[in-house]
């Protein structure tokens, strides 16, 4: 049973309207309250307070199966705000694959690499900049009266047998309990929901994250569905948006594009650089990934036709995801591979 606040109406801000950087401001306020000298650059505090929308789930296994009523209520709260479900133009259905064959872009992503991949030169300057919307990437909203910005994290659709899987940072979905008011909006921009909204059926994190917020395990897999009354109920998200692939045990030094939705913007930002390895972490040096970008994918091998690539990490891990100039990801090693297998094997 979840502990859910219902007494306060959701108040999402209007798209493009002012948003207070609540989490960074809170950190600054704490420094002042403790009379500490906060010298240097303030870390980008990318976590968020829960405000009561929590369920205990099963901390021993790090799993939570969401009741349909919770997801439907969260979707209804979001759709009551200043957002518009406006279907995107039909996506290109085929493109040339290796050997001249064709493959579906909108259907489940193939396990093989894309037929061609865009070069990913290092961004100059090394700072995240406005980026084109990708159907498989979007913000995570937490509608309700808990003080969060209207979207607080980023997630992406990744390939799975059931075609219903997202990857994000564990701290985006679990903070002393599983968030029960999550809504994903793939391809979101400027208040428009071109691929509708999607809510969890199941969330999986590593028990070591649930037990002690181990920054080597700051990764979550989320299975999603259409909320009741929103689009074809049997449709799988991967059929609509396509999906990124996932690479486990990725080496460092790969040309990488990192993408995220800042919580004060209505479109994504992206930056390109190569990754570096730390114990249990990938490091990505680039400024401009503030609050809201946690969970954003680190992509290699991006197909220029579809925008889809291979996820080798998500913003999170060390220092809550990084600071003003550096982002981290928990390393997608054997533990994260096991988490993926568990998330995709369970029936929902």
Protein backbone atom coordinates (compact mmCIF):
# COMPACT_ATOMS: atom_id res chain seq x y z
CA UNK A 1 0.00 0.00 0.00
CA UNK A 2 1.40 3.36 -0.94
CA UNK A 3 1.38 6.45 1.22
CA UNK A 4 -0.04 8.99 -1.14
CA UNK A 5 -1.00 12.63 -0.69
CA UNK A 6 -4.33 13.49 -2.25
CA UNK A 7 -5.22 16.67 -0.40
CA UNK A 8 -3.37 19.11 -2.60
CA UNK A 9 -4.18 19.72 -6.25
CA UNK A 10 -1.29 19.49 -8.74
CA UNK A 11 -0.04 22.85 -9.94
CA UNK A 12 2.28 22.28 -12.92
CA UNK A 13 3.75 25.56 -14.20
CA UNK A 14 2.88 26.79 -17.64
CA UNK A 15 5.35 25.76 -20.36
CA UNK A 16 7.96 28.43 -20.77
CA UNK A 17 7.02 30.05 -17.47
CA UNK A 18 9.46 30.78 -14.66
CA UNK A 19 10.72 27.85 -12.63
CA UNK A 20 12.63 28.18 -9.42
CA UNK A 21 15.72 26.00 -9.11
CA UNK A 22 14.35 24.56 -5.92
CA UNK A 23 16.91 21.83 -5.33
CA UNK A 24 19.99 23.98 -5.82
CA UNK A 25 18.35 26.76 -3.84
CA UNK A 26 17.64 24.32 -1.04
CA UNK A 27 21.29 23.32 -0.95
CA UNK A 28 22.33 26.95 -0.77
CA UNK A 29 19.83 27.56 2.00
CA UNK A 30 21.23 24.64 3.96
CA UNK A 31 24.71 26.09 3.67
CA UNK A 32 23.46 29.39 5.03
CA UNK A 33 21.54 27.74 7.86
CA UNK A 34 24.62 25.85 8.97
CA UNK A 35 26.82 28.93 8.55
CA UNK A 36 29.07 27.01 6.19
CA UNK A 37 31.23 28.70 3.61
CA UNK A 38 30.15 27.18 0.30
CA UNK A 39 33.27 27.98 -1.64
CA UNK A 40 33.77 27.22 -5.31
CA UNK A 41 31.16 25.90 -7.67
CA UNK A 42 27.98 24.54 -6.15
CA UNK A 43 27.33 20.93 -7.05
CA UNK A 44 24.30 20.37 -9.26
CA UNK A 45 22.09 18.63 -6.72
CA UNK A 46 20.08 16.41 -9.04
CA UNK A 47 17.99 14.45 -6.57
CA UNK A 48 14.55 15.52 -5.40
CA UNK A 49 12.31 15.37 -2.36
CA UNK A 50 9.47 12.90 -2.44
CA UNK A 51 6.62 14.83 -0.79
CA UNK A 52 4.80 11.66 0.28
CA UNK A 53 4.08 9.91 -3.04
CA UNK A 54 5.85 6.74 -1.98
CA UNK A 55 5.27 3.00 -1.80
CA UNK A 56 7.51 0.58 0.06
CA UNK A 57 7.46 -2.10 -2.63
CA UNK A 58 9.89 -4.91 -1.84
CA UNK A 59 13.17 -3.34 -0.73
CA UNK A 60 14.76 -6.78 -0.33
CA UNK A 61 14.52 -7.34 -4.07
CA UNK A 62 14.36 -3.69 -5.13
CA UNK A 63 11.08 -4.12 -6.99
CA UNK A 64 7.67 -2.48 -7.02
CA UNK A 65 4.54 -3.36 -8.98
CA UNK A 66 2.38 -0.27 -9.29
CA UNK A 67 -1.37 -0.40 -8.84
CA UNK A 68 -3.23 0.75 -11.94
CA UNK A 69 -5.13 3.39 -9.99
CA UNK A 70 -1.89 5.10 -8.93
CA UNK A 71 -0.60 5.43 -12.48
CA UNK A 72 -3.95 6.53 -13.85
CA UNK A 73 -4.24 9.19 -11.15
CA UNK A 74 -0.77 10.52 -11.90
CA UNK A 75 -1.48 10.67 -15.63
CA UNK A 76 -4.79 12.41 -15.00
CA UNK A 77 -3.08 14.99 -12.79
CA UNK A 78 -0.53 15.74 -15.51
CA UNK A 79 -3.09 15.94 -18.30
CA UNK A 80 -5.18 18.36 -16.25
CA UNK A 81 -2.31 20.84 -16.55
CA UNK A 82 -1.09 22.92 -19.50
CA UNK A 83 -0.09 20.00 -21.70
CA UNK A 84 -1.43 18.89 -25.07
CA UNK A 85 -1.52 15.40 -26.54
CA UNK A 86 -0.82 16.17 -30.17
CA UNK A 87 0.21 13.17 -32.28
CA UNK A 88 3.52 13.54 -34.04
CA UNK A 89 3.75 13.09 -37.81
CA UNK A 90 4.08 9.42 -38.78
CA UNK A 91 7.63 8.23 -38.41
CA UNK A 92 9.58 6.84 -41.35
CA UNK A 93 8.74 3.16 -41.27
CA UNK A 94 11.78 1.68 -42.95
CA UNK A 95 15.36 2.47 -43.77
CA UNK A 96 18.12 0.56 -45.47
CA UNK A 97 19.89 -1.96 -43.29
CA UNK A 98 23.09 -3.84 -43.99
CA UNK A 99 22.87 -5.77 -47.22
CA UNK A 100 20.08 -3.62 -48.62
CA UNK A 101 17.31 -5.10 -46.46
CA UNK A 102 14.82 -2.90 -44.73
CA UNK A 103 14.01 -2.77 -41.04
CA UNK A 104 11.22 -1.13 -39.13
CA UNK A 105 12.06 2.03 -37.24
CA UNK A 106 8.87 2.13 -35.21
CA UNK A 107 8.89 -1.50 -34.18
CA UNK A 108 11.06 -3.15 -31.57
CA UNK A 109 14.67 -2.11 -32.00
CA UNK A 110 16.90 -4.83 -33.40
CA UNK A 111 19.69 -6.27 -31.31
CA UNK A 112 22.15 -5.57 -34.11
CA UNK A 113 23.87 -2.18 -34.44
CA UNK A 114 22.29 0.42 -36.73
CA UNK A 115 23.10 0.29 -40.42
CA UNK A 116 25.02 3.52 -40.05
CA UNK A 117 26.04 5.65 -37.13
CA UNK A 118 26.62 9.38 -36.98
CA UNK A 119 30.06 10.66 -36.17
CA UNK A 120 30.08 12.19 -32.72
CA UNK A 121 32.75 14.89 -32.73
CA UNK A 122 33.53 16.51 -29.40
CA UNK A 123 31.29 19.52 -28.76
CA UNK A 124 32.98 22.93 -28.98
CA UNK A 125 32.57 24.60 -26.59
CA UNK A 126 32.29 21.68 -24.22
CA UNK A 127 28.84 22.66 -23.00
CA UNK A 128 25.39 21.15 -23.49
CA UNK A 129 23.32 22.95 -26.12
CA UNK A 130 19.69 22.74 -27.31
CA UNK A 131 19.13 19.50 -29.18
CA UNK A 132 16.55 17.97 -31.48
CA UNK A 133 13.81 16.00 -29.80
CA UNK A 134 14.22 12.22 -29.94
CA UNK A 135 11.02 10.11 -29.75
CA UNK A 136 12.66 7.58 -27.44
CA UNK A 137 13.88 10.14 -24.87
CA UNK A 138 11.70 12.25 -22.61
CA UNK A 139 11.23 13.76 -19.18
CA UNK A 140 9.83 12.06 -16.12
CA UNK A 141 7.06 14.09 -14.50
CA UNK A 142 5.87 13.81 -10.90
CA UNK A 143 2.57 15.70 -10.89
CA UNK A 144 1.16 16.60 -7.52
CA UNK A 145 1.48 19.03 -4.68
CA UNK A 146 4.91 17.94 -3.46
CA UNK A 147 6.88 20.96 -4.65
CA UNK A 148 8.75 19.32 -7.51
CA UNK A 149 9.25 21.04 -10.81
CA UNK A 150 6.82 19.70 -13.38
CA UNK A 151 9.53 17.38 -14.71
CA UNK A 152 12.43 16.32 -12.54
CA UNK A 153 14.38 13.62 -14.41
CA UNK A 154 14.96 12.10 -17.85
CA UNK A 155 14.43 8.56 -19.13
CA UNK A 156 14.73 6.69 -22.42
CA UNK A 157 13.04 3.74 -24.08
CA UNK A 158 15.36 0.74 -24.38
CA UNK A 159 14.83 -2.48 -26.28
CA UNK A 160 13.24 -5.38 -24.42
CA UNK A 161 11.33 -8.52 -25.40
CA UNK A 162 8.02 -6.98 -24.28
CA UNK A 163 8.72 -3.56 -25.84
CA UNK A 164 7.74 -1.69 -22.68
CA UNK A 165 11.00 -0.76 -20.94
CA UNK A 166 12.64 2.51 -19.84
CA UNK A 167 16.00 3.12 -18.24
CA UNK A 168 16.72 6.01 -15.88
CA UNK A 169 18.62 6.72 -12.66
CA UNK A 170 17.50 4.87 -9.53
CA UNK A 171 17.43 8.12 -7.56
CA UNK A 172 14.74 9.36 -9.96
CA UNK A 173 12.32 6.60 -8.94
CA UNK A 174 13.41 5.50 -5.46
CA UNK A 175 14.10 7.76 -2.48
CA UNK A 176 13.27 5.94 0.79
CA UNK A 177 10.47 4.36 -1.22
CA UNK A 178 9.27 3.98 -4.80
CA UNK A 179 7.70 7.00 -6.44
CA UNK A 180 4.03 6.38 -7.18
CA UNK A 181 3.33 9.53 -9.23
CA UNK A 182 5.66 9.02 -12.19
CA UNK A 183 4.62 9.85 -15.75
CA UNK A 184 6.91 9.52 -18.79
CA UNK A 185 6.46 11.74 -21.85
CA UNK A 186 8.57 10.49 -24.78
CA UNK A 187 9.56 13.12 -27.32
CA UNK A 188 8.15 15.91 -25.15
CA UNK A 189 8.62 19.53 -26.19
CA UNK A 190 7.03 22.89 -25.41
CA UNK A 191 4.05 21.49 -23.56
CA UNK A 192 3.28 19.00 -26.35
CA UNK A 193 3.02 15.25 -25.70
CA UNK A 194 3.52 13.84 -29.22
CA UNK A 195 3.62 10.18 -28.14
CA UNK A 196 1.20 10.43 -25.25
CA UNK A 197 1.98 9.67 -21.62
CA UNK A 198 3.06 6.40 -20.05
CA UNK A 199 2.99 5.20 -16.45
CA UNK A 200 4.84 2.41 -14.64
CA UNK A 201 3.62 -1.12 -14.22
CA UNK A 202 6.82 -2.22 -12.49
CA UNK A 203 10.03 -0.57 -11.26
CA UNK A 204 13.28 -2.44 -10.59
CA UNK A 205 16.34 -1.10 -8.78
CA UNK A 206 19.26 -2.96 -7.26
CA UNK A 207 18.63 -3.79 -3.57
CA UNK A 208 21.96 -2.13 -2.76
CA UNK A 209 20.50 1.14 -3.99
CA UNK A 210 17.33 0.64 -1.96
CA UNK A 211 19.33 -0.28 1.14
CA UNK A 212 22.06 2.36 1.10
CA UNK A 213 21.96 4.45 -2.07
CA UNK A 214 25.11 2.74 -3.36
CA UNK A 215 26.28 5.02 -6.16
CA UNK A 216 27.59 2.03 -8.14
CA UNK A 217 23.95 0.94 -8.59
CA UNK A 218 22.13 4.19 -9.43
CA UNK A 219 20.20 2.66 -12.34
CA UNK A 220 16.52 1.71 -12.65
CA UNK A 221 14.49 -0.12 -15.26
CA UNK A 222 10.82 0.83 -15.51
CA UNK A 223 8.14 -1.06 -17.43
CA UNK A 224 5.35 1.18 -18.65
CA UNK A 225 1.84 1.15 -20.10
CA UNK A 226 -0.71 3.57 -21.45
CA UNK A 227 -2.92 4.95 -18.67
CA UNK A 228 -6.59 4.06 -18.86
CA UNK A 229 -8.36 6.06 -21.56
CA UNK A 230 -5.13 7.34 -23.16
CA UNK A 231 -4.50 5.75 -26.55
CA UNK A 232 -4.66 2.06 -27.50
CA UNK A 233 -4.27 0.10 -24.29
CA UNK A 234 -2.47 -2.82 -25.96
CA UNK A 235 0.12 -0.63 -27.68
CA UNK A 236 3.72 -0.98 -26.54
CA UNK A 237 5.83 2.13 -26.26
CA UNK A 238 8.64 0.64 -28.35
CA UNK A 239 6.22 0.18 -31.24
CA UNK A 240 5.57 3.90 -31.20
CA UNK A 241 8.91 5.52 -30.42
CA UNK A 242 11.50 2.94 -31.36
CA UNK A 243 14.10 2.06 -28.73
CA UNK A 244 17.73 2.48 -27.85
CA UNK A 245 19.86 -0.61 -27.49
CA UNK A 246 21.75 -1.27 -24.24
CA UNK A 247 25.42 -2.17 -24.02
CA UNK A 248 26.74 -3.82 -20.90
CA UNK A 249 30.40 -3.70 -19.82
CA UNK A 250 31.10 -0.72 -22.11
CA UNK A 251 34.73 0.36 -22.40
CA UNK A 252 35.76 3.90 -21.63
CA UNK A 253 36.83 6.27 -24.39
CA UNK A 254 33.80 5.82 -26.64
CA UNK A 255 32.47 8.86 -28.53
CA UNK A 256 29.27 9.59 -26.65
CA UNK A 257 26.26 11.88 -26.86
CA UNK A 258 24.59 12.62 -23.53
CA UNK A 259 21.02 13.93 -23.53
CA UNK A 260 18.77 15.33 -20.81
CA UNK A 261 15.84 17.59 -20.07
CA UNK A 262 16.75 20.40 -17.63
CA UNK A 263 13.84 21.06 -15.32
CA UNK A 264 13.66 24.69 -16.43
CA UNK A 265 13.51 23.90 -20.15
CA UNK A 266 10.82 22.48 -22.42
CA UNK A 267 13.25 20.85 -24.86
CA UNK A 268 16.33 18.65 -24.38
CA UNK A 269 19.99 19.58 -24.35
CA UNK A 270 22.86 17.40 -25.53
CA UNK A 271 26.65 17.33 -25.58
CA UNK A 272 29.26 15.09 -27.18
CA UNK A 273 32.55 13.93 -25.73
CA UNK A 274 34.37 10.69 -24.93
CA UNK A 275 33.86 8.90 -21.64
CA UNK A 276 36.48 8.10 -19.02
CA UNK A 277 36.50 5.26 -16.47
CA UNK A 278 36.51 5.47 -12.70
CA UNK A 279 35.98 2.56 -10.28
CA UNK A 280 32.34 1.61 -10.74
CA UNK A 281 31.58 4.71 -12.83
CA UNK A 282 31.71 6.28 -16.26
CA UNK A 283 32.70 9.95 -16.36
CA UNK A 284 31.49 12.40 -19.00
CA UNK A 285 33.00 15.88 -18.96
CA UNK A 286 30.70 18.60 -20.28
CA UNK A 287 29.06 21.58 -18.64
CA UNK A 288 25.36 22.34 -18.80
CA UNK A 289 23.58 19.29 -17.35
CA UNK A 290 21.64 20.75 -14.40
CA UNK A 291 18.70 19.53 -12.35
CA UNK A 292 16.28 17.45 -14.40
CA UNK A 293 18.92 15.76 -16.53
CA UNK A 294 19.45 12.84 -14.13
CA UNK A 295 18.65 9.58 -15.87
CA UNK A 296 19.45 11.02 -19.28
CA UNK A 297 21.09 8.48 -21.60
CA UNK A 298 24.73 8.37 -22.60
CA UNK A 299 24.51 7.19 -26.21
CA UNK A 300 27.01 5.73 -28.66
CA UNK A 301 26.52 4.72 -32.28
CA UNK A 302 23.67 7.15 -32.89
CA UNK A 303 21.81 6.52 -36.17
CA UNK A 304 21.46 9.86 -38.00
CA UNK A 305 18.15 8.80 -39.55
CA UNK A 306 16.36 7.70 -36.39
CA UNK A 307 18.30 9.37 -33.58
CA UNK A 308 18.48 6.00 -31.85
CA UNK A 309 21.72 4.72 -30.41
CA UNK A 310 23.13 2.45 -27.73
CA UNK A 311 22.85 3.37 -24.05
CA UNK A 312 26.10 2.83 -22.15
CA UNK A 313 25.09 4.79 -19.05
CA UNK A 314 22.60 7.21 -17.54
CA UNK A 315 23.36 10.41 -15.63
CA UNK A 316 23.56 9.43 -11.98
CA UNK A 317 25.95 7.53 -9.76
CA UNK A 318 28.81 9.42 -8.14
CA UNK A 319 27.93 12.69 -6.40
CA UNK A 320 24.27 12.28 -7.32
CA UNK A 321 25.17 12.50 -11.00
CA UNK A 322 27.94 15.07 -11.00
CA UNK A 323 28.56 18.79 -10.75
CA UNK A 324 28.44 21.81 -13.02
CA UNK A 325 31.08 20.48 -15.42
CA UNK A 326 31.04 16.68 -15.07
CA UNK A 327 28.39 13.96 -15.23
CA UNK A 328 28.71 10.38 -14.05
CA UNK A 329 26.95 7.08 -14.60
CA UNK A 330 27.08 3.89 -12.61
CA UNK A 331 29.03 1.44 -14.76
CA UNK A 332 26.78 -0.89 -16.75
CA UNK A 333 28.62 -3.99 -15.58
CA UNK A 334 27.37 -7.44 -14.55
CA UNK A 335 25.13 -6.12 -11.77
CA UNK A 336 23.25 -3.78 -14.11
CA UNK A 337 23.01 -6.55 -16.72
CA UNK A 338 21.45 -8.80 -14.07
CA UNK A 339 19.02 -6.02 -13.16
CA UNK A 340 17.99 -5.72 -16.82
CA UNK A 341 17.44 -9.47 -17.05
CA UNK A 342 15.30 -9.44 -13.92
CA UNK A 343 13.26 -6.46 -15.10
CA UNK A 344 12.54 -8.01 -18.48
CA UNK A 345 11.88 -11.54 -17.16
CA UNK A 346 9.14 -10.63 -14.69
CA UNK A 347 5.52 -10.81 -15.80
CA UNK A 348 3.43 -7.70 -15.28
